[in-house]
C-alpha cells in the first residue's frame, strides 16, 4: 500500500515537471507575438488611453432607445408624474456616456502619437449635446416608422408589439441614432452601433445611408442597405433584399471611397423578398414594385412593376404519375 502511494506521488511529480516545461515556453511565444507587432501585418492600437468601448456603445444604444420609447424598456414603471424626473436622469447619464465615447473616437489619431488633446474633449461634450438636442425630432421620425409598420403588416396586434418585438424597427431605430453621428462627422461609433443592431436582427444598414421617414422592413432577416443608398419616404422592404454595390476590381476600394456606389430608391416603392438592386447609377422610380428574387443593375421608371416570369411547377403524386424530378 505504501509502495503504491509512493509510486503515484512520483508519477504526479513527473507530470508537474512536464507541465512546468510547457509553461516555460510561453514567454518565448509572447516575445514572438510582441515582435510581430512591429511588422506591417500587425494591426494594433497600443496606447495608455483606450479606444471606444463596445460595451459602452451598446449601453448608449439601449439607453437612447429607452429615452425614445419611454416605458417600454425601462425596468421601473413610468407615469405622467415621474416622466420628467425619469427622463432627466436618463438623459444626463446618456450625455456623460456619449461624451466619453465621442471623445475617445475623435482622439483616435491623438492616441497614436500619445498627445493629449483638449479640443477633442470639448468636441465630445459639444457633440453629445447636439445628439441630445436631436432626439425630439428623431422621436417624430421614428413615430412615422412605427405607423408605417402598423399600416404595412396586418399580422400585428398593435404598436406595442411592433416596438417590443419587430427586428425591422430595432434596426431602423439604431440606424437613425447612428446616422445623427455620421452627419456630425463622428468616426467609429456609428458603425459600432449599427453592427450591434445587425448582430441582433440580421439586418445590415450602413449608418451613412439616407433613409426617409415611414420606412418599414417586414421580417427583415438578410436585408443589406449600403453606405451610399438613398431611400425615399414610405418605402417597404421584405426579407433578403440587397441594396448594394457592383463588385470592385482589385485595388479600387480607395479610389471609389466617398463616391455613390449604391442605388437610389424613390418614394412609395415596394421591394419584395430576395430582390437584389446594385449600382450607384441605378434608380428605382417612385411607386414602383420590384418582385421577389429580381436582379437589377439598371434603372426603372416610376410606376413600374418588375417581376420574373412565372416558373413552371411540376407536381408528382404518390402513385408515381408525373415526370421524374432531376
C-alpha atoms as a PDB file:
ATOM      1  CA  UNK A   1       0.000   0.000   0.000  1.00  0.00           C
ATOM      2  CA  UNK A   2       2.753   2.423   0.965  1.00  0.00           C
ATOM      3  CA  UNK A   3       4.651   1.435  -2.159  1.00  0.00           C
ATOM      4  CA  UNK A   4       1.646   2.247  -4.360  1.00  0.00           C
ATOM      5  CA  UNK A   5       1.231   5.664  -2.776  1.00  0.00           C
ATOM      6  CA  UNK A   6       4.916   6.489  -3.320  1.00  0.00           C
ATOM      7  CA  UNK A   7       4.647   5.363  -6.927  1.00  0.00           C
ATOM      8  CA  UNK A   8       1.635   7.617  -7.539  1.00  0.00           C
ATOM      9  CA  UNK A   9       3.442  10.541  -5.898  1.00  0.00           C
ATOM     10  CA  UNK A  10       6.435  10.031  -8.217  1.00  0.00           C
ATOM     11  CA  UNK A  11       4.135   9.946 -11.248  1.00  0.00           C
ATOM     12  CA  UNK A  12       2.443  13.133 -10.089  1.00  0.00           C
ATOM     13  CA  UNK A  13       5.819  14.875  -9.714  1.00  0.00           C
ATOM     14  CA  UNK A  14       6.771  13.811 -13.226  1.00  0.00           C
ATOM     15  CA  UNK A  15       3.518  15.265 -14.594  1.00  0.00           C
ATOM     16  CA  UNK A  16       4.155  18.526 -12.745  1.00  0.00           C
ATOM     17  CA  UNK A  17       7.656  18.740 -14.226  1.00  0.00           C
ATOM     18  CA  UNK A  18       6.263  18.152 -17.710  1.00  0.00           C
ATOM     19  CA  UNK A  19       3.677  20.871 -17.106  1.00  0.00           C
ATOM     20  CA  UNK A  20       6.359  23.345 -15.984  1.00  0.00           C
ATOM     21  CA  UNK A  21       8.387  22.594 -19.126  1.00  0.00           C
ATOM     22  CA  UNK A  22       5.435  23.623 -21.279  1.00  0.00           C
ATOM     23  CA  UNK A  23       4.795  26.743 -19.204  1.00  0.00           C
ATOM     24  CA  UNK A  24       8.441  27.775 -19.567  1.00  0.00           C
ATOM     25  CA  UNK A  25       7.949  28.019 -23.333  1.00  0.00           C
ATOM     26  CA  UNK A  26       5.147  30.599 -23.065  1.00  0.00           C
ATOM     27  CA  UNK A  27       7.498  33.632 -22.652  1.00  0.00           C
ATOM     28  CA  UNK A  28       9.075  32.680 -25.980  1.00  0.00           C
ATOM     29  CA  UNK A  29       5.676  32.808 -27.652  1.00  0.00           C
ATOM     30  CA  UNK A  30       4.912  36.158 -26.001  1.00  0.00           C
ATOM     31  CA  UNK A  31       8.208  37.660 -27.222  1.00  0.00           C
ATOM     32  CA  UNK A  32       7.443  36.492 -30.753  1.00  0.00           C
ATOM     33  CA  UNK A  33       3.961  37.978 -30.630  1.00  0.00           C
ATOM     34  CA  UNK A  34       5.292  41.306 -29.350  1.00  0.00           C
ATOM     35  CA  UNK A  35       7.913  41.263 -32.089  1.00  0.00           C
ATOM     36  CA  UNK A  36       5.340  40.832 -34.854  1.00  0.00           C
ATOM     37  CA  UNK A  37       3.586  43.989 -33.643  1.00  0.00           C
ATOM     38  CA  UNK A  38       6.443  45.878 -35.262  1.00  0.00           C
ATOM     39  CA  UNK A  39       5.598  44.392 -38.667  1.00  0.00           C
ATOM     40  CA  UNK A  40       3.109  45.603 -41.289  1.00  0.00           C
ATOM     41  CA  UNK A  41       0.940  42.532 -40.652  1.00  0.00           C
ATOM     42  CA  UNK A  42       0.019  43.536 -37.113  1.00  0.00           C
ATOM     43  CA  UNK A  43      -2.868  45.946 -36.574  1.00  0.00           C
ATOM     44  CA  UNK A  44      -2.857  47.276 -33.041  1.00  0.00           C
ATOM     45  CA  UNK A  45      -3.644  50.333 -31.007  1.00  0.00           C
ATOM     46  CA  UNK A  46      -1.085  50.087 -28.231  1.00  0.00           C
ATOM     47  CA  UNK A  47      -1.777  53.159 -26.111  1.00  0.00           C
ATOM     48  CA  UNK A  48      -2.336  54.038 -22.464  1.00  0.00           C
ATOM     49  CA  UNK A  49      -5.698  55.555 -23.408  1.00  0.00           C
ATOM     50  CA  UNK A  50      -8.348  53.168 -24.774  1.00  0.00           C
ATOM     51  CA  UNK A  51     -10.443  53.368 -27.903  1.00  0.00           C
ATOM     52  CA  UNK A  52     -14.242  53.480 -27.636  1.00  0.00           C
ATOM     53  CA  UNK A  53     -15.710  50.657 -25.583  1.00  0.00           C
ATOM     54  CA  UNK A  54     -18.058  48.252 -27.341  1.00  0.00           C
ATOM     55  CA  UNK A  55     -19.966  47.632 -24.122  1.00  0.00           C
ATOM     56  CA  UNK A  56     -20.335  51.364 -23.534  1.00  0.00           C
ATOM     57  CA  UNK A  57     -21.615  51.879 -27.072  1.00  0.00           C
ATOM     58  CA  UNK A  58     -24.197  49.118 -26.546  1.00  0.00           C
ATOM     59  CA  UNK A  59     -25.250  50.860 -23.319  1.00  0.00           C
ATOM     60  CA  UNK A  60     -25.639  54.124 -25.268  1.00  0.00           C
ATOM     61  CA  UNK A  61     -27.845  52.395 -27.841  1.00  0.00           C
ATOM     62  CA  UNK A  62     -30.033  50.780 -25.190  1.00  0.00           C
ATOM     63  CA  UNK A  63     -30.354  53.944 -23.114  1.00  0.00           C
ATOM     64  CA  UNK A  64     -31.201  56.057 -26.160  1.00  0.00           C
ATOM     65  CA  UNK A  65     -33.856  53.545 -27.206  1.00  0.00           C
ATOM     66  CA  UNK A  66     -35.301  53.708 -23.699  1.00  0.00           C
ATOM     67  CA  UNK A  67     -35.484  57.506 -23.947  1.00  0.00           C
ATOM     68  CA  UNK A  68     -37.067  57.399 -27.408  1.00  0.00           C
ATOM     69  CA  UNK A  69     -39.673  54.824 -26.337  1.00  0.00           C
ATOM     70  CA  UNK A  70     -40.204  55.672 -22.644  1.00  0.00           C
ATOM     71  CA  UNK A  71     -41.805  52.984 -20.558  1.00  0.00           C
ATOM     72  CA  UNK A  72     -41.186  50.118 -22.977  1.00  0.00           C
ATOM     73  CA  UNK A  73     -37.698  49.016 -21.965  1.00  0.00           C
ATOM     74  CA  UNK A  74     -37.111  50.623 -18.567  1.00  0.00           C
ATOM     75  CA  UNK A  75     -37.011  48.304 -15.534  1.00  0.00           C
ATOM     76  CA  UNK A  76     -39.097  50.708 -13.437  1.00  0.00           C
ATOM     77  CA  UNK A  77     -42.627  51.861 -14.088  1.00  0.00           C
ATOM     78  CA  UNK A  78     -43.159  55.336 -15.540  1.00  0.00           C
ATOM     79  CA  UNK A  79     -46.232  57.518 -15.226  1.00  0.00           C
ATOM     80  CA  UNK A  80     -47.105  61.109 -16.017  1.00  0.00           C
ATOM     81  CA  UNK A  81     -45.931  62.258 -12.570  1.00  0.00           C
ATOM     82  CA  UNK A  82     -42.393  60.905 -12.749  1.00  0.00           C
ATOM     83  CA  UNK A  83     -41.779  61.036 -16.521  1.00  0.00           C
ATOM     84  CA  UNK A  84     -39.785  64.269 -16.489  1.00  0.00           C
ATOM     85  CA  UNK A  85     -37.731  63.152 -13.491  1.00  0.00           C
ATOM     86  CA  UNK A  86     -37.027  59.777 -15.119  1.00  0.00           C
ATOM     87  CA  UNK A  87     -36.024  61.324 -18.445  1.00  0.00           C
ATOM     88  CA  UNK A  88     -33.813  63.820 -16.629  1.00  0.00           C
ATOM     89  CA  UNK A  89     -31.833  61.009 -15.041  1.00  0.00           C
ATOM     90  CA  UNK A  90     -31.590  59.013 -18.260  1.00  0.00           C
ATOM     91  CA  UNK A  91     -30.633  61.956 -20.472  1.00  0.00           C
ATOM     92  CA  UNK A  92     -27.950  63.100 -18.002  1.00  0.00           C
ATOM     93  CA  UNK A  93     -26.451  59.598 -17.874  1.00  0.00           C
ATOM     94  CA  UNK A  94     -26.573  59.371 -21.678  1.00  0.00           C
ATOM     95  CA  UNK A  95     -24.786  62.713 -22.003  1.00  0.00           C
ATOM     96  CA  UNK A  96     -21.952  61.526 -19.778  1.00  0.00           C
ATOM     97  CA  UNK A  97     -21.585  58.168 -21.549  1.00  0.00           C
ATOM     98  CA  UNK A  98     -21.767  59.686 -25.014  1.00  0.00           C
ATOM     99  CA  UNK A  99     -19.298  62.451 -24.172  1.00  0.00           C
ATOM    100  CA  UNK A 100     -16.694  59.892 -23.133  1.00  0.00           C
ATOM    101  CA  UNK A 101     -17.144  57.673 -26.175  1.00  0.00           C
ATOM    102  CA  UNK A 102     -17.215  60.538 -28.706  1.00  0.00           C
ATOM    103  CA  UNK A 103     -14.073  61.961 -27.141  1.00  0.00           C
ATOM    104  CA  UNK A 104     -12.321  58.609 -27.433  1.00  0.00           C
ATOM    105  CA  UNK A 105     -13.419  58.251 -31.042  1.00  0.00           C
ATOM    106  CA  UNK A 106     -12.291  61.673 -32.263  1.00  0.00           C
ATOM    107  CA  UNK A 107      -8.985  61.382 -30.402  1.00  0.00           C
ATOM    108  CA  UNK A 108      -8.044  58.269 -32.340  1.00  0.00           C
ATOM    109  CA  UNK A 109      -5.124  59.934 -34.115  1.00  0.00           C
ATOM    110  CA  UNK A 110      -4.090  61.727 -30.944  1.00  0.00           C
ATOM    111  CA  UNK A 111      -3.766  58.357 -29.207  1.00  0.00           C
ATOM    112  CA  UNK A 112      -1.368  57.139 -31.867  1.00  0.00           C
ATOM    113  CA  UNK A 113       1.057  59.950 -31.099  1.00  0.00           C
ATOM    114  CA  UNK A 114       0.422  59.963 -27.327  1.00  0.00           C
ATOM    115  CA  UNK A 115      -0.851  63.533 -27.454  1.00  0.00           C
ATOM    116  CA  UNK A 116      -3.445  64.829 -25.023  1.00  0.00           C
ATOM    117  CA  UNK A 117      -5.937  66.898 -26.999  1.00  0.00           C
ATOM    118  CA  UNK A 118      -8.226  69.213 -25.032  1.00  0.00           C
ATOM    119  CA  UNK A 119     -10.095  70.162 -28.195  1.00  0.00           C
ATOM    120  CA  UNK A 120     -11.261  66.563 -28.576  1.00  0.00           C
ATOM    121  CA  UNK A 121     -12.717  66.591 -25.059  1.00  0.00           C
ATOM    122  CA  UNK A 122     -14.536  69.849 -25.821  1.00  0.00           C
ATOM    123  CA  UNK A 123     -15.826  68.321 -29.064  1.00  0.00           C
ATOM    124  CA  UNK A 124     -17.070  65.283 -27.152  1.00  0.00           C
ATOM    125  CA  UNK A 125     -19.164  67.472 -24.864  1.00  0.00           C
ATOM    126  CA  UNK A 126     -20.460  69.625 -27.704  1.00  0.00           C
ATOM    127  CA  UNK A 127     -21.407  66.708 -29.974  1.00  0.00           C
ATOM    128  CA  UNK A 128     -23.055  64.792 -27.142  1.00  0.00           C
ATOM    129  CA  UNK A 129     -25.287  67.821 -26.518  1.00  0.00           C
ATOM    130  CA  UNK A 130     -26.087  68.140 -30.237  1.00  0.00           C
ATOM    131  CA  UNK A 131     -27.133  64.482 -30.254  1.00  0.00           C
ATOM    132  CA  UNK A 132     -29.437  65.011 -27.281  1.00  0.00           C
ATOM    133  CA  UNK A 133     -30.990  68.076 -28.881  1.00  0.00           C
ATOM    134  CA  UNK A 134     -31.831  65.997 -31.970  1.00  0.00           C
ATOM    135  CA  UNK A 135     -33.770  63.347 -30.001  1.00  0.00           C
ATOM    136  CA  UNK A 136     -37.203  65.081 -30.041  1.00  0.00           C
ATOM    137  CA  UNK A 137     -37.060  65.297 -33.844  1.00  0.00           C
ATOM    138  CA  UNK A 138     -35.789  61.729 -34.065  1.00  0.00           C
ATOM    139  CA  UNK A 139     -38.744  60.541 -31.994  1.00  0.00           C
ATOM    140  CA  UNK A 140     -41.104  62.149 -34.513  1.00  0.00           C
ATOM    141  CA  UNK A 141     -39.441  60.345 -37.432  1.00  0.00           C
ATOM    142  CA  UNK A 142     -39.492  57.028 -35.584  1.00  0.00           C
ATOM    143  CA  UNK A 143     -43.172  57.540 -34.810  1.00  0.00           C
ATOM    144  CA  UNK A 144     -43.790  57.616 -38.566  1.00  0.00           C
ATOM    145  CA  UNK A 145     -41.763  54.395 -38.916  1.00  0.00           C
ATOM    146  CA  UNK A 146     -43.896  52.702 -36.241  1.00  0.00           C
ATOM    147  CA  UNK A 147     -47.092  53.744 -38.005  1.00  0.00           C
ATOM    148  CA  UNK A 148     -45.722  52.517 -41.340  1.00  0.00           C
ATOM    149  CA  UNK A 149     -45.130  49.108 -39.781  1.00  0.00           C
ATOM    150  CA  UNK A 150     -48.670  49.009 -38.401  1.00  0.00           C
ATOM    151  CA  UNK A 151     -50.147  50.025 -41.744  1.00  0.00           C
ATOM    152  CA  UNK A 152     -47.985  47.608 -43.732  1.00  0.00           C
ATOM    153  CA  UNK A 153     -48.406  44.479 -41.620  1.00  0.00           C
ATOM    154  CA  UNK A 154     -51.925  43.180 -40.960  1.00  0.00           C
ATOM    155  CA  UNK A 155     -50.430  40.472 -38.705  1.00  0.00           C
ATOM    156  CA  UNK A 156     -49.529  42.939 -35.988  1.00  0.00           C
ATOM    157  CA  UNK A 157     -51.638  43.332 -32.878  1.00  0.00           C
ATOM    158  CA  UNK A 158     -50.676  46.979 -32.489  1.00  0.00           C
ATOM    159  CA  UNK A 159     -47.947  49.494 -31.750  1.00  0.00           C
ATOM    160  CA  UNK A 160     -46.771  47.782 -28.563  1.00  0.00           C
ATOM    161  CA  UNK A 161     -45.965  44.566 -30.410  1.00  0.00           C
ATOM    162  CA  UNK A 162     -44.068  46.482 -33.088  1.00  0.00           C
ATOM    163  CA  UNK A 163     -41.937  48.413 -30.601  1.00  0.00           C
ATOM    164  CA  UNK A 164     -41.280  45.412 -28.373  1.00  0.00           C
ATOM    165  CA  UNK A 165     -40.559  42.756 -30.956  1.00  0.00           C
ATOM    166  CA  UNK A 166     -40.105  43.841 -34.580  1.00  0.00           C
ATOM    167  CA  UNK A 167     -36.476  43.469 -35.697  1.00  0.00           C
ATOM    168  CA  UNK A 168     -37.038  45.921 -38.528  1.00  0.00           C
ATOM    169  CA  UNK A 169     -37.972  48.689 -36.114  1.00  0.00           C
ATOM    170  CA  UNK A 170     -34.981  47.941 -33.886  1.00  0.00           C
ATOM    171  CA  UNK A 171     -32.647  48.096 -36.894  1.00  0.00           C
ATOM    172  CA  UNK A 172     -34.086  51.361 -38.196  1.00  0.00           C
ATOM    173  CA  UNK A 173     -34.093  52.897 -34.705  1.00  0.00           C
ATOM    174  CA  UNK A 174     -30.388  52.197 -34.198  1.00  0.00           C
ATOM    175  CA  UNK A 175     -29.621  53.277 -37.767  1.00  0.00           C
ATOM    176  CA  UNK A 176     -31.300  56.638 -37.176  1.00  0.00           C
ATOM    177  CA  UNK A 177     -29.293  57.155 -33.961  1.00  0.00           C
ATOM    178  CA  UNK A 178     -26.058  56.315 -35.751  1.00  0.00           C
ATOM    179  CA  UNK A 179     -26.937  58.472 -38.763  1.00  0.00           C
ATOM    180  CA  UNK A 180     -27.131  61.525 -36.495  1.00  0.00           C
ATOM    181  CA  UNK A 181     -23.489  60.930 -35.536  1.00  0.00           C
ATOM    182  CA  UNK A 182     -22.415  60.303 -39.138  1.00  0.00           C
ATOM    183  CA  UNK A 183     -23.897  63.651 -40.102  1.00  0.00           C
ATOM    184  CA  UNK A 184     -21.698  65.308 -37.484  1.00  0.00           C
ATOM    185  CA  UNK A 185     -18.544  63.569 -38.706  1.00  0.00           C
ATOM    186  CA  UNK A 186     -18.114  61.326 -35.647  1.00  0.00           C
ATOM    187  CA  UNK A 187     -15.976  58.301 -36.563  1.00  0.00           C
ATOM    188  CA  UNK A 188     -16.125  54.661 -35.416  1.00  0.00           C
ATOM    189  CA  UNK A 189     -19.159  54.929 -33.104  1.00  0.00           C
ATOM    190  CA  UNK A 190     -21.893  54.920 -35.794  1.00  0.00           C
ATOM    191  CA  UNK A 191     -20.680  51.672 -37.352  1.00  0.00           C
ATOM    192  CA  UNK A 192     -20.295  50.079 -33.926  1.00  0.00           C
ATOM    193  CA  UNK A 193     -23.925  50.943 -33.241  1.00  0.00           C
ATOM    194  CA  UNK A 194     -25.370  49.575 -36.477  1.00  0.00           C
ATOM    195  CA  UNK A 195     -23.248  46.427 -36.315  1.00  0.00           C
ATOM    196  CA  UNK A 196     -24.675  45.789 -32.868  1.00  0.00           C
ATOM    197  CA  UNK A 197     -28.176  46.002 -34.342  1.00  0.00           C
ATOM    198  CA  UNK A 198     -27.017  43.812 -37.230  1.00  0.00           C
ATOM    199  CA  UNK A 199     -25.878  41.120 -34.801  1.00  0.00           C
ATOM    200  CA  UNK A 200     -29.301  41.146 -33.111  1.00  0.00           C
ATOM    201  CA  UNK A 201     -31.571  41.368 -36.144  1.00  0.00           C
ATOM    202  CA  UNK A 202     -29.718  40.072 -39.202  1.00  0.00           C
ATOM    203  CA  UNK A 203     -30.431  43.453 -40.847  1.00  0.00           C
ATOM    204  CA  UNK A 204     -27.337  45.309 -42.067  1.00  0.00           C
ATOM    205  CA  UNK A 205     -27.888  49.048 -42.549  1.00  0.00           C
ATOM    206  CA  UNK A 206     -24.830  51.215 -43.047  1.00  0.00           C
ATOM    207  CA  UNK A 207     -25.143  54.374 -40.917  1.00  0.00           C
ATOM    208  CA  UNK A 208     -24.196  56.536 -43.897  1.00  0.00           C
ATOM    209  CA  UNK A 209     -27.273  55.587 -45.933  1.00  0.00           C
ATOM    210  CA  UNK A 210     -30.006  58.216 -46.412  1.00  0.00           C
ATOM    211  CA  UNK A 211     -33.439  56.843 -45.474  1.00  0.00           C
ATOM    212  CA  UNK A 212     -36.674  58.828 -45.497  1.00  0.00           C
ATOM    213  CA  UNK A 213     -39.462  58.606 -42.935  1.00  0.00           C
ATOM    214  CA  UNK A 214     -42.218  55.960 -42.764  1.00  0.00           C
ATOM    215  CA  UNK A 215     -39.716  53.240 -43.646  1.00  0.00           C
ATOM    216  CA  UNK A 216     -40.730  49.630 -42.997  1.00  0.00           C
ATOM    217  CA  UNK A 217     -38.727  46.396 -43.180  1.00  0.00           C
ATOM    218  CA  UNK A 218     -41.038  43.389 -42.890  1.00  0.00           C
ATOM    219  CA  UNK A 219     -39.486  40.231 -41.373  1.00  0.00           C
ATOM    220  CA  UNK A 220     -36.065  41.668 -42.162  1.00  0.00           C
ATOM    221  CA  UNK A 221     -33.556  38.816 -41.985  1.00  0.00           C
ATOM    222  CA  UNK A 222     -30.826  39.226 -44.589  1.00  0.00           C
ATOM    223  CA  UNK A 223     -31.610  42.801 -45.624  1.00  0.00           C
ATOM    224  CA  UNK A 224     -28.498  44.773 -46.659  1.00  0.00           C
ATOM    225  CA  UNK A 225     -28.501  48.544 -47.268  1.00  0.00           C
ATOM    226  CA  UNK A 226     -25.197  50.037 -48.413  1.00  0.00           C
ATOM    227  CA  UNK A 227     -23.451  53.215 -47.365  1.00  0.00           C
ATOM    228  CA  UNK A 228     -24.437  55.476 -50.266  1.00  0.00           C
ATOM    229  CA  UNK A 229     -28.035  54.264 -50.645  1.00  0.00           C
ATOM    230  CA  UNK A 230     -30.669  56.963 -50.896  1.00  0.00           C
ATOM    231  CA  UNK A 231     -34.156  55.805 -49.924  1.00  0.00           C
ATOM    232  CA  UNK A 232     -37.241  57.995 -50.129  1.00  0.00           C
ATOM    233  CA  UNK A 233     -40.355  58.132 -47.981  1.00  0.00           C
ATOM    234  CA  UNK A 234     -42.840  55.332 -47.374  1.00  0.00           C
ATOM    235  CA  UNK A 235     -40.575  52.629 -48.795  1.00  0.00           C
ATOM    236  CA  UNK A 236     -41.208  48.996 -47.810  1.00  0.00           C
ATOM    237  CA  UNK A 237     -38.656  46.170 -47.977  1.00  0.00           C
ATOM    238  CA  UNK A 238     -39.033  42.475 -47.295  1.00  0.00           C
ATOM    239  CA  UNK A 239     -36.502  39.916 -46.098  1.00  0.00           C
ATOM    240  CA  UNK A 240     -33.382  39.179 -48.103  1.00  0.00           C
ATOM    241  CA  UNK A 241     -33.365  42.445 -50.073  1.00  0.00           C
ATOM    242  CA  UNK A 242     -29.917  43.727 -51.030  1.00  0.00           C
ATOM    243  CA  UNK A 243     -29.341  47.365 -51.981  1.00  0.00           C
ATOM    244  CA  UNK A 244     -25.677  47.029 -52.762  1.00  0.00           C
ATOM    245  CA  UNK A 245     -22.701  47.984 -54.903  1.00  0.00           C
ATOM    246  CA  UNK A 246     -21.351  46.335 -58.012  1.00  0.00           C
ATOM    247  CA  UNK A 247     -18.244  44.242 -57.431  1.00  0.00           C
ATOM    248  CA  UNK A 248     -14.998  46.195 -57.473  1.00  0.00           C
ATOM    249  CA  UNK A 249     -11.757  45.337 -59.269  1.00  0.00           C
ATOM    250  CA  UNK A 250      -8.721  44.750 -57.011  1.00  0.00           C
ATOM    251  CA  UNK A 251      -7.372  47.965 -55.518  1.00  0.00           C
ATOM    252  CA  UNK A 252     -10.402  50.064 -56.485  1.00  0.00           C
ATOM    253  CA  UNK A 253     -11.701  50.479 -52.943  1.00  0.00           C
ATOM    254  CA  UNK A 254      -9.681  53.573 -52.065  1.00  0.00           C
ATOM    255  CA  UNK A 255     -10.330  55.187 -55.440  1.00  0.00           C
ATOM    256  CA  UNK A 256     -14.116  54.839 -55.074  1.00  0.00           C
ATOM    257  CA  UNK A 257     -14.257  55.831 -51.414  1.00  0.00           C
ATOM    258  CA  UNK A 258     -16.834  58.592 -50.993  1.00  0.00           C
ATOM    259  CA  UNK A 259     -18.435  58.050 -54.422  1.00  0.00           C
ATOM    260  CA  UNK A 260     -22.015  56.862 -54.854  1.00  0.00           C
ATOM    261  CA  UNK A 261     -21.936  53.089 -55.270  1.00  0.00           C
ATOM    262  CA  UNK A 262     -25.417  52.037 -54.120  1.00  0.00           C
ATOM    263  CA  UNK A 263     -28.866  52.532 -55.660  1.00  0.00           C
ATOM    264  CA  UNK A 264     -31.472  55.243 -55.172  1.00  0.00           C
ATOM    265  CA  UNK A 265     -34.978  54.157 -54.196  1.00  0.00           C
ATOM    266  CA  UNK A 266     -37.650  56.822 -54.677  1.00  0.00           C
ATOM    267  CA  UNK A 267     -40.849  57.368 -52.665  1.00  0.00           C
ATOM    268  CA  UNK A 268     -43.522  54.681 -52.173  1.00  0.00           C
ATOM    269  CA  UNK A 269     -41.505  51.804 -53.631  1.00  0.00           C
ATOM    270  CA  UNK A 270     -42.107  48.196 -52.534  1.00  0.00           C
ATOM    271  CA  UNK A 271     -39.295  45.646 -52.901  1.00  0.00           C
ATOM    272  CA  UNK A 272     -40.186  42.020 -52.272  1.00  0.00           C
ATOM    273  CA  UNK A 273     -38.131  39.224 -50.726  1.00  0.00           C
ATOM    274  CA  UNK A 274     -34.798  38.247 -52.194  1.00  0.00           C
ATOM    275  CA  UNK A 275     -34.533  41.110 -54.680  1.00  0.00           C
ATOM    276  CA  UNK A 276     -31.045  42.457 -55.427  1.00  0.00           C
ATOM    277  CA  UNK A 277     -30.544  46.004 -56.708  1.00  0.00           C
ATOM    278  CA  UNK A 278     -26.973  47.107 -57.384  1.00  0.00           C
ATOM    279  CA  UNK A 279     -25.004  50.150 -58.532  1.00  0.00           C
ATOM    280  CA  UNK A 280     -24.743  53.843 -57.781  1.00  0.00           C
ATOM    281  CA  UNK A 281     -26.454  54.888 -61.020  1.00  0.00           C
ATOM    282  CA  UNK A 282     -29.414  52.539 -60.530  1.00  0.00           C
ATOM    283  CA  UNK A 283     -32.616  54.378 -59.658  1.00  0.00           C
ATOM    284  CA  UNK A 284     -35.966  52.801 -58.859  1.00  0.00           C
ATOM    285  CA  UNK A 285     -38.709  55.270 -59.751  1.00  0.00           C
ATOM    286  CA  UNK A 286     -41.465  56.298 -57.377  1.00  0.00           C
ATOM    287  CA  UNK A 287     -44.378  53.940 -56.747  1.00  0.00           C
ATOM    288  CA  UNK A 288     -42.652  51.045 -58.489  1.00  0.00           C
ATOM    289  CA  UNK A 289     -42.911  47.438 -57.305  1.00  0.00           C
ATOM    290  CA  UNK A 290     -39.913  45.092 -57.540  1.00  0.00           C
ATOM    291  CA  UNK A 291     -40.859  41.433 -57.355  1.00  0.00           C
ATOM    292  CA  UNK A 292     -39.167  38.690 -55.379  1.00  0.00           C
ATOM    293  CA  UNK A 293     -35.730  37.406 -56.469  1.00  0.00           C
ATOM    294  CA  UNK A 294     -35.390  40.062 -59.167  1.00  0.00           C
ATOM    295  CA  UNK A 295     -31.800  41.105 -60.028  1.00  0.00           C
ATOM    296  CA  UNK A 296     -31.414  44.720 -61.214  1.00  0.00           C
ATOM    297  CA  UNK A 297     -28.393  46.759 -62.266  1.00  0.00           C
ATOM    298  CA  UNK A 298     -30.304  49.303 -64.343  1.00  0.00           C
ATOM    299  CA  UNK A 299     -32.837  51.987 -63.545  1.00  0.00           C
ATOM    300  CA  UNK A 300     -36.606  51.541 -63.518  1.00  0.00           C
ATOM    301  CA  UNK A 301     -39.005  54.413 -64.359  1.00  0.00           C
ATOM    302  CA  UNK A 302     -41.764  55.462 -61.946  1.00  0.00           C
ATOM    303  CA  UNK A 303     -44.960  53.390 -61.678  1.00  0.00           C
ATOM    304  CA  UNK A 304     -43.311  50.225 -62.994  1.00  0.00           C
ATOM    305  CA  UNK A 305     -43.698  46.609 -61.901  1.00  0.00           C
ATOM    306  CA  UNK A 306     -40.667  44.378 -62.360  1.00  0.00           C
ATOM    307  CA  UNK A 307     -41.075  40.648 -61.838  1.00  0.00           C
ATOM    308  CA  UNK A 308     -39.831  37.287 -63.071  1.00  0.00           C
ATOM    309  CA  UNK A 309     -41.909  35.154 -65.388  1.00  0.00           C
ATOM    310  CA  UNK A 310     -43.884  32.546 -63.511  1.00  0.00           C
ATOM    311  CA  UNK A 311     -41.797  29.359 -63.349  1.00  0.00           C
ATOM    312  CA  UNK A 312     -43.292  26.056 -64.484  1.00  0.00           C
ATOM    313  CA  UNK A 313     -44.235  23.898 -61.494  1.00  0.00           C
ATOM    314  CA  UNK A 314     -44.086  20.095 -61.642  1.00  0.00           C
ATOM    315  CA  UNK A 315     -46.485  18.064 -59.464  1.00  0.00           C
ATOM    316  CA  UNK A 316     -45.948  14.367 -58.820  1.00  0.00           C
ATOM    317  CA  UNK A 317     -48.428  12.303 -56.836  1.00  0.00           C
ATOM    318  CA  UNK A 318     -47.829   9.300 -54.572  1.00  0.00           C
ATOM    319  CA  UNK A 319     -48.895   6.956 -57.407  1.00  0.00           C
ATOM    320  CA  UNK A 320     -45.794   7.900 -59.314  1.00  0.00           C
ATOM    321  CA  UNK A 321     -47.660   9.744 -62.022  1.00  0.00           C
ATOM    322  CA  UNK A 322     -45.865  12.709 -63.433  1.00  0.00           C
ATOM    323  CA  UNK A 323     -42.320  13.405 -64.646  1.00  0.00           C
ATOM    324  CA  UNK A 324     -39.248  12.465 -62.645  1.00  0.00           C
ATOM    325  CA  UNK A 325     -37.521  15.305 -60.802  1.00  0.00           C
ATOM    326  CA  UNK A 326     -33.840  15.728 -61.550  1.00  0.00           C
END
